[in-house]
Amino acid sequence: MNIKLTSPLAIFDIEATGLSITTDRIVEIAIVKILPDGSEENFLRRVNPEMKIPAEVTKIHGITDEDVKDEPTFKKIIPELEEFLGNSDFAGYNSNKFDIPMLAEELIRSGSTLDLSTKKHIDVQNIFHKMEQRTLIAAYKFYCSKELENAHSALSDAKATWEVLDAQIGKYDAVENDVDFLADFSRYGDVSRLDFAGRLAINKKGEAIYNFGKHKGKTIKAVAKSEPGYYGWMIDADFPLYTKECLRKEMKKIKAEREQQKIVSKKLEEDKFQDKLSDLKNKFK
């Protein structure tokens, strides 16, 4: 094993009813958990999405409505999932763009207390694209010299992703065998994401910014002042629940700062008044 672990690493793959983070649902989740001693544990569950699986999506992953009609809902598997994950960090293929945001939405809907923002997230696809520019099937052949069978089967994809990640660490001197490095190196783009969907980010100054649309690159604080209604529009629009949760937290910070500034300004005004009053008293002594 090339990677150095201090905590378990959960390599996971999700199959869903579609690609929309906000409206589609998970139908299968597979996790290959690698422990620091190199041992491996597997988790595979089918999930009833409580909605129809489009025929064109079934053609990709092979899971039908009939396959999941008697399976538990995502909320029902939460206790088992949380216990299995424990204090694991995460890894996946294209996971920062799809799997992590999708999982975050399901966790929020289900009332889970699992906070993905406290975990490291390694995106094997981003490492691969930075180093070789290929797909998962090609990556598996390139790094592992194997043909990927049962592609789009969640467990097969998760296992292949783990093998590719471990091979990447062994192949490149520039790719360190450390989860902190890998999470940072596989991050998408030049900014740190504030939310999993990448709609919000942190700039080089450490400020929370919008990372899309007409206000891309502007701080949330500046937009709150110049266009107060933008926040409300985002909260009411079809954005991921986790994105809205992050935005609410930032607005809460901004409001707290404003209140603090008011208190400071009021104190300064009171001090000025007292100084003037003291001067007048001294004059008429």
C-alpha atoms as a PDB file:
ATOM      1  CA  MET A   1       0.000   0.000   0.000  1.00  0.00           C
ATOM      2  CA  ASN A   2       1.521   3.329  -1.097  1.00  0.00           C
ATOM      3  CA  ILE A   3      -0.760   5.724   0.755  1.00  0.00           C
ATOM      4  CA  LYS A   4       0.001   6.658   4.374  1.00  0.00           C
ATOM      5  CA  LEU A   5      -3.151   6.755   6.516  1.00  0.00           C
ATOM      6  CA  THR A   6      -3.765   7.958  10.043  1.00  0.00           C
ATOM      7  CA  SER A   7      -7.553   7.630   9.688  1.00  0.00           C
ATOM      8  CA  PRO A   8      -9.615   5.221   7.585  1.00  0.00           C
ATOM      9  CA  LEU A   9     -10.200   6.253   3.974  1.00  0.00           C
ATOM     10  CA  ALA A  10     -13.679   5.630   2.541  1.00  0.00           C
ATOM     11  CA  ILE A  11     -13.552   5.241  -1.235  1.00  0.00           C
ATOM     12  CA  PHE A  12     -17.118   5.450  -2.386  1.00  0.00           C
ATOM     13  CA  ASP A  13     -19.274   5.498  -5.487  1.00  0.00           C
ATOM     14  CA  ILE A  14     -22.918   6.448  -5.900  1.00  0.00           C
ATOM     15  CA  GLU A  15     -25.477   5.453  -8.504  1.00  0.00           C
ATOM     16  CA  ALA A  16     -28.509   7.730  -8.688  1.00  0.00           C
ATOM     17  CA  THR A  17     -31.728   8.461 -10.562  1.00  0.00           C
ATOM     18  CA  GLY A  18     -29.914  11.175 -12.523  1.00  0.00           C
ATOM     19  CA  LEU A  19     -27.260  13.887 -12.328  1.00  0.00           C
ATOM     20  CA  SER A  20     -29.181  16.676 -10.568  1.00  0.00           C
ATOM     21  CA  ILE A  21     -27.793  17.203  -7.069  1.00  0.00           C
ATOM     22  CA  THR A  22     -31.025  18.856  -5.885  1.00  0.00           C
ATOM     23  CA  THR A  23     -33.740  16.706  -7.457  1.00  0.00           C
ATOM     24  CA  ASP A  24     -32.278  13.233  -8.044  1.00  0.00           C
ATOM     25  CA  ARG A  25     -31.785  10.536  -5.411  1.00  0.00           C
ATOM     26  CA  ILE A  26     -29.316   7.776  -4.576  1.00  0.00           C
ATOM     27  CA  VAL A  27     -30.233   4.230  -5.634  1.00  0.00           C
ATOM     28  CA  GLU A  28     -26.991   2.503  -4.678  1.00  0.00           C
ATOM     29  CA  ILE A  29     -23.992   3.386  -2.538  1.00  0.00           C
ATOM     30  CA  ALA A  30     -20.807   1.356  -2.295  1.00  0.00           C
ATOM     31  CA  ILE A  31     -17.856   2.045  -0.017  1.00  0.00           C
ATOM     32  CA  VAL A  32     -14.452   0.429   0.165  1.00  0.00           C
ATOM     33  CA  LYS A  33     -12.977   1.455   3.527  1.00  0.00           C
ATOM     34  CA  ILE A  34      -9.203   1.203   3.774  1.00  0.00           C
ATOM     35  CA  LEU A  35      -7.873   1.089   7.328  1.00  0.00           C
ATOM     36  CA  PRO A  36      -4.453   2.485   8.339  1.00  0.00           C
ATOM     37  CA  ASP A  37      -3.108  -1.075   8.623  1.00  0.00           C
ATOM     38  CA  GLY A  38      -4.043  -1.723   4.975  1.00  0.00           C
ATOM     39  CA  SER A  39      -7.028  -3.973   5.684  1.00  0.00           C
ATOM     40  CA  GLU A  40     -10.232  -3.431   3.720  1.00  0.00           C
ATOM     41  CA  GLU A  41     -13.947  -3.400   4.573  1.00  0.00           C
ATOM     42  CA  ASN A  42     -16.803  -3.165   2.067  1.00  0.00           C
ATOM     43  CA  PHE A  43     -20.249  -1.581   2.305  1.00  0.00           C
ATOM     44  CA  LEU A  44     -22.877  -1.998  -0.437  1.00  0.00           C
ATOM     45  CA  ARG A  45     -26.531  -0.978  -0.183  1.00  0.00           C
ATOM     46  CA  ARG A  46     -29.345  -0.501  -2.657  1.00  0.00           C
ATOM     47  CA  VAL A  47     -31.701   2.341  -1.756  1.00  0.00           C
ATOM     48  CA  ASN A  48     -35.339   3.046  -2.570  1.00  0.00           C
ATOM     49  CA  PRO A  49     -35.190   6.597  -4.016  1.00  0.00           C
ATOM     50  CA  GLU A  50     -38.951   7.072  -3.639  1.00  0.00           C
ATOM     51  CA  MET A  51     -39.106   8.228  -7.235  1.00  0.00           C
ATOM     52  CA  LYS A  52     -38.940   6.680 -10.699  1.00  0.00           C
ATOM     53  CA  ILE A  53     -35.611   5.785 -12.245  1.00  0.00           C
ATOM     54  CA  PRO A  54     -35.607   7.065 -15.862  1.00  0.00           C
ATOM     55  CA  ALA A  55     -35.143   4.338 -18.463  1.00  0.00           C
ATOM     56  CA  GLU A  56     -32.112   6.106 -19.953  1.00  0.00           C
ATOM     57  CA  VAL A  57     -30.435   6.107 -16.527  1.00  0.00           C
ATOM     58  CA  THR A  58     -31.209   2.421 -15.971  1.00  0.00           C
ATOM     59  CA  LYS A  59     -29.391   1.719 -19.238  1.00  0.00           C
ATOM     60  CA  ILE A  60     -26.232   3.188 -17.676  1.00  0.00           C
ATOM     61  CA  HIS A  61     -26.138   1.547 -14.233  1.00  0.00           C
ATOM     62  CA  GLY A  62     -28.587  -1.326 -14.791  1.00  0.00           C
ATOM     63  CA  ILE A  63     -30.714  -0.633 -11.705  1.00  0.00           C
ATOM     64  CA  THR A  64     -34.478  -0.695 -12.265  1.00  0.00           C
ATOM     65  CA  ASP A  65     -37.479   0.449 -10.234  1.00  0.00           C
ATOM     66  CA  GLU A  66     -38.203  -3.222  -9.547  1.00  0.00           C
ATOM     67  CA  ASP A  67     -34.697  -3.720  -8.156  1.00  0.00           C
ATOM     68  CA  VAL A  68     -35.154  -1.068  -5.455  1.00  0.00           C
ATOM     69  CA  LYS A  69     -38.896  -1.099  -4.678  1.00  0.00           C
ATOM     70  CA  ASP A  70     -38.427  -3.239  -1.547  1.00  0.00           C
ATOM     71  CA  GLU A  71     -35.134  -1.656  -0.456  1.00  0.00           C
ATOM     72  CA  PRO A  72     -34.938   0.757   2.520  1.00  0.00           C
ATOM     73  CA  THR A  73     -34.988   4.513   1.996  1.00  0.00           C
ATOM     74  CA  PHE A  74     -31.757   6.438   2.507  1.00  0.00           C
ATOM     75  CA  LYS A  75     -32.987   7.662   5.881  1.00  0.00           C
ATOM     76  CA  LYS A  76     -33.350   4.043   7.053  1.00  0.00           C
ATOM     77  CA  ILE A  77     -29.714   3.164   6.255  1.00  0.00           C
ATOM     78  CA  ILE A  78     -28.274   6.274   7.963  1.00  0.00           C
ATOM     79  CA  PRO A  79     -27.432   4.583  11.321  1.00  0.00           C
ATOM     80  CA  GLU A  80     -25.635   1.715   9.583  1.00  0.00           C
ATOM     81  CA  LEU A  81     -23.862   4.085   7.179  1.00  0.00           C
ATOM     82  CA  GLU A  82     -22.674   6.427   9.941  1.00  0.00           C
ATOM     83  CA  GLU A  83     -21.380   3.518  12.007  1.00  0.00           C
ATOM     84  CA  PHE A  84     -19.485   2.092   9.025  1.00  0.00           C
ATOM     85  CA  LEU A  85     -17.903   5.419   8.078  1.00  0.00           C
ATOM     86  CA  GLY A  86     -16.824   6.388  11.603  1.00  0.00           C
ATOM     87  CA  ASN A  87     -14.013   8.937  11.383  1.00  0.00           C
ATOM     88  CA  SER A  88     -13.133   8.138   7.755  1.00  0.00           C
ATOM     89  CA  ASP A  89     -11.919  10.650   5.219  1.00  0.00           C
ATOM     90  CA  PHE A  90     -13.364  10.336   1.692  1.00  0.00           C
ATOM     91  CA  ALA A  91     -12.137   9.519  -1.787  1.00  0.00           C
ATOM     92  CA  GLY A  92     -13.913   8.924  -5.067  1.00  0.00           C
ATOM     93  CA  TYR A  93     -13.813   9.407  -8.814  1.00  0.00           C
ATOM     94  CA  ASN A  94     -15.350  12.769  -9.788  1.00  0.00           C
ATOM     95  CA  SER A  95     -16.584  12.748  -6.186  1.00  0.00           C
ATOM     96  CA  ASN A  96     -16.003  16.446  -5.465  1.00  0.00           C
ATOM     97  CA  LYS A  97     -18.401  17.388  -8.266  1.00  0.00           C
ATOM     98  CA  PHE A  98     -21.034  14.675  -7.920  1.00  0.00           C
ATOM     99  CA  ASP A  99     -20.813  12.034  -5.185  1.00  0.00           C
ATOM    100  CA  ILE A 100     -19.965  14.304  -2.228  1.00  0.00           C
ATOM    101  CA  PRO A 101     -22.630  16.952  -3.085  1.00  0.00           C
ATOM    102  CA  MET A 102     -25.214  14.196  -3.709  1.00  0.00           C
ATOM    103  CA  LEU A 103     -24.371  12.471  -0.423  1.00  0.00           C
ATOM    104  CA  ALA A 104     -24.488  15.795   1.438  1.00  0.00           C
ATOM    105  CA  GLU A 105     -28.008  16.465   0.136  1.00  0.00           C
ATOM    106  CA  GLU A 106     -29.264  13.038   1.212  1.00  0.00           C
ATOM    107  CA  LEU A 107     -27.701  13.440   4.665  1.00  0.00           C
ATOM    108  CA  ILE A 108     -29.394  16.812   5.183  1.00  0.00           C
ATOM    109  CA  ARG A 109     -32.778  15.489   3.997  1.00  0.00           C
ATOM    110  CA  SER A 110     -32.448  12.524   6.341  1.00  0.00           C
ATOM    111  CA  GLY A 111     -31.538  14.638   9.355  1.00  0.00           C
ATOM    112  CA  SER A 112     -28.102  13.063   9.731  1.00  0.00           C
ATOM    113  CA  THR A 113     -25.552  14.759  11.984  1.00  0.00           C
ATOM    114  CA  LEU A 114     -22.608  13.517   9.877  1.00  0.00           C
ATOM    115  CA  ASP A 115     -20.663  16.645   8.868  1.00  0.00           C
ATOM    116  CA  LEU A 116     -18.808  16.044   5.604  1.00  0.00           C
ATOM    117  CA  SER A 117     -17.115  19.442   5.800  1.00  0.00           C
ATOM    118  CA  THR A 118     -14.862  18.161   8.608  1.00  0.00           C
ATOM    119  CA  LYS A 119     -13.484  15.388   6.372  1.00  0.00           C
ATOM    120  CA  LYS A 120     -10.746  15.366   3.746  1.00  0.00           C
ATOM    121  CA  HIS A 121     -12.022  14.749   0.187  1.00  0.00           C
ATOM    122  CA  ILE A 122      -9.708  13.179  -2.380  1.00  0.00           C
ATOM    123  CA  ASP A 123     -10.936  13.299  -5.975  1.00  0.00           C
ATOM    124  CA  VAL A 124      -9.052  10.652  -7.943  1.00  0.00           C
ATOM    125  CA  GLN A 125     -10.361  12.020 -11.247  1.00  0.00           C
ATOM    126  CA  ASN A 126      -8.784  15.421 -10.602  1.00  0.00           C
ATOM    127  CA  ILE A 127      -5.431  13.815  -9.810  1.00  0.00           C
ATOM    128  CA  PHE A 128      -5.770  11.708 -12.954  1.00  0.00           C
ATOM    129  CA  HIS A 129      -6.728  14.659 -15.157  1.00  0.00           C
ATOM    130  CA  LYS A 130      -3.839  16.717 -13.824  1.00  0.00           C
ATOM    131  CA  MET A 131      -1.403  13.896 -14.526  1.00  0.00           C
ATOM    132  CA  GLU A 132      -2.805  11.958 -17.519  1.00  0.00           C
ATOM    133  CA  GLN A 133      -6.173  13.360 -18.766  1.00  0.00           C
ATOM    134  CA  ARG A 134      -8.203  10.118 -18.991  1.00  0.00           C
ATOM    135  CA  THR A 135     -11.502   8.418 -17.968  1.00  0.00           C
ATOM    136  CA  LEU A 136     -11.894   5.847 -15.174  1.00  0.00           C
ATOM    137  CA  ILE A 137     -11.828   2.895 -17.591  1.00  0.00           C
ATOM    138  CA  ALA A 138      -8.650   4.237 -19.210  1.00  0.00           C
ATOM    139  CA  ALA A 139      -7.202   5.089 -15.787  1.00  0.00           C
ATOM    140  CA  TYR A 140      -7.730   1.520 -14.599  1.00  0.00           C
ATOM    141  CA  LYS A 141      -6.048   0.146 -17.695  1.00  0.00           C
ATOM    142  CA  PHE A 142      -3.226   2.702 -17.560  1.00  0.00           C
ATOM    143  CA  TYR A 143      -2.379   2.410 -13.869  1.00  0.00           C
ATOM    144  CA  CYS A 144      -3.411  -1.146 -13.076  1.00  0.00           C
ATOM    145  CA  SER A 145      -2.955  -2.847 -16.496  1.00  0.00           C
ATOM    146  CA  LYS A 146      -6.453  -4.346 -16.191  1.00  0.00           C
ATOM    147  CA  GLU A 147      -9.723  -4.090 -18.076  1.00  0.00           C
ATOM    148  CA  LEU A 148     -12.530  -2.656 -15.940  1.00  0.00           C
ATOM    149  CA  GLU A 149     -15.412  -5.125 -15.957  1.00  0.00           C
ATOM    150  CA  ASN A 150     -18.917  -4.160 -14.812  1.00  0.00           C
ATOM    151  CA  ALA A 151     -18.267  -0.435 -15.270  1.00  0.00           C
ATOM    152  CA  HIS A 152     -21.027   1.663 -13.626  1.00  0.00           C
ATOM    153  CA  SER A 153     -21.582  -1.029 -11.025  1.00  0.00           C
ATOM    154  CA  ALA A 154     -21.051   0.988  -7.842  1.00  0.00           C
ATOM    155  CA  LEU A 155     -18.894  -1.599  -6.051  1.00  0.00           C
ATOM    156  CA  SER A 156     -16.778  -2.338  -9.147  1.00  0.00           C
ATOM    157  CA  ASP A 157     -16.202   1.374  -9.725  1.00  0.00           C
ATOM    158  CA  ALA A 158     -15.327   1.985  -6.072  1.00  0.00           C
ATOM    159  CA  LYS A 159     -12.853  -0.918  -6.007  1.00  0.00           C
ATOM    160  CA  ALA A 160     -11.285   0.228  -9.293  1.00  0.00           C
ATOM    161  CA  THR A 161     -11.018   3.788  -7.950  1.00  0.00           C
ATOM    162  CA  TRP A 162      -9.151   2.532  -4.886  1.00  0.00           C
ATOM    163  CA  GLU A 163      -6.714   0.537  -7.020  1.00  0.00           C
ATOM    164  CA  VAL A 164      -6.119   3.556  -9.287  1.00  0.00           C
ATOM    165  CA  LEU A 165      -5.505   5.898  -6.317  1.00  0.00           C
ATOM    166  CA  ASP A 166      -3.021   3.530  -4.736  1.00  0.00           C
ATOM    167  CA  ALA A 167      -1.249   3.069  -8.088  1.00  0.00           C
ATOM    168  CA  GLN A 168      -1.109   6.856  -8.660  1.00  0.00           C
ATOM    169  CA  ILE A 169       0.719   7.335  -5.360  1.00  0.00           C
ATOM    170  CA  GLY A 170       3.201   4.631  -6.292  1.00  0.00           C
ATOM    171  CA  LYS A 171       3.793   6.040  -9.787  1.00  0.00           C
ATOM    172  CA  TYR A 172       4.316   9.778  -9.213  1.00  0.00           C
ATOM    173  CA  ASP A 173       6.992  11.245  -6.956  1.00  0.00           C
ATOM    174  CA  ALA A 174       5.023  14.526  -7.007  1.00  0.00           C
ATOM    175  CA  VAL A 175       1.936  12.834  -5.533  1.00  0.00           C
ATOM    176  CA  GLU A 176       2.607  12.424  -1.825  1.00  0.00           C
ATOM    177  CA  ASN A 177       1.196   9.495   0.138  1.00  0.00           C
ATOM    178  CA  ASP A 178      -0.586  11.770   2.579  1.00  0.00           C
ATOM    179  CA  VAL A 179      -4.347  12.391   2.794  1.00  0.00           C
ATOM    180  CA  ASP A 180      -3.946  16.145   3.472  1.00  0.00           C
ATOM    181  CA  PHE A 181      -1.800  16.562   0.353  1.00  0.00           C
ATOM    182  CA  LEU A 182      -4.066  14.391  -1.800  1.00  0.00           C
ATOM    183  CA  ALA A 183      -7.210  16.249  -0.762  1.00  0.00           C
ATOM    184  CA  ASP A 184      -5.578  19.582  -1.622  1.00  0.00           C
ATOM    185  CA  PHE A 185      -3.968  18.323  -4.843  1.00  0.00           C
ATOM    186  CA  SER A 186      -7.218  16.814  -6.133  1.00  0.00           C
ATOM    187  CA  ARG A 187      -9.187  19.968  -5.372  1.00  0.00           C
ATOM    188  CA  TYR A 188     -10.937  21.341  -8.461  1.00  0.00           C
ATOM    189  CA  GLY A 189      -9.881  24.807  -9.629  1.00  0.00           C
ATOM    190  CA  ASP A 190      -7.795  27.532  -7.992  1.00  0.00           C
ATOM    191  CA  VAL A 191     -10.132  28.370  -5.124  1.00  0.00           C
ATOM    192  CA  SER A 192     -11.181  26.395  -2.068  1.00  0.00           C
ATOM    193  CA  ARG A 193     -14.806  25.405  -2.220  1.00  0.00           C
ATOM    194  CA  LEU A 194     -17.008  26.576   0.618  1.00  0.00           C
ATOM    195  CA  ASP A 195     -19.825  24.230  -0.415  1.00  0.00           C
ATOM    196  CA  PHE A 196     -19.542  20.856  -2.118  1.00  0.00           C
ATOM    197  CA  ALA A 197     -21.235  21.998  -5.344  1.00  0.00           C
ATOM    198  CA  GLY A 198     -18.689  24.802  -5.820  1.00  0.00           C
ATOM    199  CA  ARG A 199     -21.216  27.649  -5.938  1.00  0.00           C
ATOM    200  CA  LEU A 200     -19.460  29.312  -3.016  1.00  0.00           C
ATOM    201  CA  ALA A 201     -15.726  29.474  -2.400  1.00  0.00           C
ATOM    202  CA  ILE A 202     -12.925  30.997  -0.327  1.00  0.00           C
ATOM    203  CA  ASN A 203     -10.555  33.372  -2.117  1.00  0.00           C
ATOM    204  CA  LYS A 204      -6.821  33.782  -1.436  1.00  0.00           C
ATOM    205  CA  LYS A 205      -7.586  36.420   1.194  1.00  0.00           C
ATOM    206  CA  GLY A 206      -9.726  33.925   3.108  1.00  0.00           C
ATOM    207  CA  GLU A 207     -12.982  35.697   2.185  1.00  0.00           C
ATOM    208  CA  ALA A 208     -16.204  33.876   1.287  1.00  0.00           C
ATOM    209  CA  ILE A 209     -17.134  34.596  -2.349  1.00  0.00           C
ATOM    210  CA  TYR A 210     -19.719  33.653  -4.943  1.00  0.00           C
ATOM    211  CA  ASN A 211     -18.171  31.250  -7.456  1.00  0.00           C
ATOM    212  CA  PHE A 212     -20.694  31.472 -10.307  1.00  0.00           C
ATOM    213  CA  GLY A 213     -22.954  33.822 -12.239  1.00  0.00           C
ATOM    214  CA  LYS A 214     -22.885  37.608 -12.415  1.00  0.00           C
ATOM    215  CA  HIS A 215     -21.255  37.980  -8.995  1.00  0.00           C
ATOM    216  CA  LYS A 216     -18.545  35.367  -9.509  1.00  0.00           C
ATOM    217  CA  GLY A 217     -15.427  36.343  -7.575  1.00  0.00           C
ATOM    218  CA  LYS A 218     -17.225  38.956  -5.471  1.00  0.00           C
ATOM    219  CA  THR A 219     -17.377  38.532  -1.711  1.00  0.00           C
ATOM    220  CA  ILE A 220     -20.684  37.518  -0.175  1.00  0.00           C
ATOM    221  CA  LYS A 221     -20.281  40.473   2.160  1.00  0.00           C
ATOM    222  CA  ALA A 222     -19.939  42.964  -0.708  1.00  0.00           C
ATOM    223  CA  VAL A 223     -22.935  41.546  -2.596  1.00  0.00           C
ATOM    224  CA  ALA A 224     -25.035  41.606   0.590  1.00  0.00           C
ATOM    225  CA  LYS A 225     -24.423  45.363   0.649  1.00  0.00           C
ATOM    226  CA  SER A 226     -24.781  46.121  -3.093  1.00  0.00           C
ATOM    227  CA  GLU A 227     -27.633  43.708  -3.876  1.00  0.00           C
ATOM    228  CA  PRO A 228     -29.310  42.457  -0.667  1.00  0.00           C
ATOM    229  CA  GLY A 229     -31.972  40.538  -2.624  1.00  0.00           C
ATOM    230  CA  TYR A 230     -29.406  38.172  -4.172  1.00  0.00           C
ATOM    231  CA  TYR A 231     -29.183  36.181  -0.964  1.00  0.00           C
ATOM    232  CA  GLY A 232     -32.957  35.684  -0.880  1.00  0.00           C
ATOM    233  CA  TRP A 233     -32.990  34.654  -4.524  1.00  0.00           C
ATOM    234  CA  MET A 234     -30.414  31.918  -3.850  1.00  0.00           C
ATOM    235  CA  ILE A 235     -32.270  30.626  -0.805  1.00  0.00           C
ATOM    236  CA  ASP A 236     -35.525  30.347  -2.792  1.00  0.00           C
ATOM    237  CA  ALA A 237     -33.970  28.998  -6.021  1.00  0.00           C
ATOM    238  CA  ASP A 238     -33.069  25.410  -6.955  1.00  0.00           C
ATOM    239  CA  PHE A 239     -29.642  25.211  -5.309  1.00  0.00           C
ATOM    240  CA  PRO A 240     -28.375  22.303  -3.185  1.00  0.00           C
ATOM    241  CA  LEU A 241     -29.477  22.322   0.447  1.00  0.00           C
ATOM    242  CA  TYR A 242     -25.863  22.239   1.609  1.00  0.00           C
ATOM    243  CA  THR A 243     -25.048  25.317  -0.511  1.00  0.00           C
ATOM    244  CA  LYS A 244     -27.938  27.181   1.119  1.00  0.00           C
ATOM    245  CA  GLU A 245     -26.808  26.026   4.561  1.00  0.00           C
ATOM    246  CA  CYS A 246     -23.295  27.384   3.932  1.00  0.00           C
ATOM    247  CA  LEU A 247     -24.695  30.662   2.603  1.00  0.00           C
ATOM    248  CA  ARG A 248     -26.915  31.077   5.667  1.00  0.00           C
ATOM    249  CA  LYS A 249     -23.886  30.583   7.935  1.00  0.00           C
ATOM    250  CA  GLU A 250     -21.942  33.259   6.038  1.00  0.00           C
ATOM    251  CA  MET A 251     -24.847  35.698   6.208  1.00  0.00           C
ATOM    252  CA  LYS A 252     -25.162  35.008   9.919  1.00  0.00           C
ATOM    253  CA  LYS A 253     -21.477  35.948  10.332  1.00  0.00           C
ATOM    254  CA  ILE A 254     -21.979  39.108   8.269  1.00  0.00           C
ATOM    255  CA  LYS A 255     -24.998  40.158  10.366  1.00  0.00           C
ATOM    256  CA  ALA A 256     -23.050  39.478  13.573  1.00  0.00           C
ATOM    257  CA  GLU A 257     -20.189  41.662  12.290  1.00  0.00           C
ATOM    258  CA  ARG A 258     -22.650  44.448  11.444  1.00  0.00           C
ATOM    259  CA  GLU A 259     -24.171  44.296  14.925  1.00  0.00           C
ATOM    260  CA  GLN A 260     -20.717  44.402  16.471  1.00  0.00           C
ATOM    261  CA  GLN A 261     -19.811  47.414  14.325  1.00  0.00           C
ATOM    262  CA  LYS A 262     -23.000  49.181  15.474  1.00  0.00           C
ATOM    263  CA  ILE A 263     -22.079  48.541  19.096  1.00  0.00           C
ATOM    264  CA  VAL A 264     -18.551  49.862  18.533  1.00  0.00           C
ATOM    265  CA  SER A 265     -19.868  52.941  16.655  1.00  0.00           C
ATOM    266  CA  LYS A 266     -22.390  53.639  19.381  1.00  0.00           C
ATOM    267  CA  LYS A 267     -19.686  53.351  22.029  1.00  0.00           C
ATOM    268  CA  LEU A 268     -17.463  55.772  20.081  1.00  0.00           C
ATOM    269  CA  GLU A 269     -20.310  58.268  19.797  1.00  0.00           C
ATOM    270  CA  GLU A 270     -21.015  57.969  23.518  1.00  0.00           C
ATOM    271  CA  ASP A 271     -17.321  58.478  24.293  1.00  0.00           C
ATOM    272  CA  LYS A 272     -17.236  61.583  22.070  1.00  0.00           C
ATOM    273  CA  PHE A 273     -20.347  62.939  23.792  1.00  0.00           C
ATOM    274  CA  GLN A 274     -18.842  62.352  27.223  1.00  0.00           C
ATOM    275  CA  ASP A 275     -15.608  64.059  26.117  1.00  0.00           C
ATOM    276  CA  LYS A 276     -17.568  67.089  24.898  1.00  0.00           C
ATOM    277  CA  LEU A 277     -19.608  67.163  28.092  1.00  0.00           C
ATOM    278  CA  SER A 278     -16.444  66.988  30.146  1.00  0.00           C
ATOM    279  CA  ASP A 279     -14.943  69.874  28.158  1.00  0.00           C
ATOM    280  CA  LEU A 280     -18.046  72.028  28.758  1.00  0.00           C
ATOM    281  CA  LYS A 281     -17.974  71.325  32.464  1.00  0.00           C
ATOM    282  CA  ASN A 282     -14.324  72.293  32.633  1.00  0.00           C
ATOM    283  CA  LYS A 283     -15.092  75.547  30.798  1.00  0.00           C
ATOM    284  CA  PHE A 284     -17.677  76.703  33.300  1.00  0.00           C
ATOM    285  CA  LYS A 285     -15.830  75.729  36.434  1.00  0.00           C
END
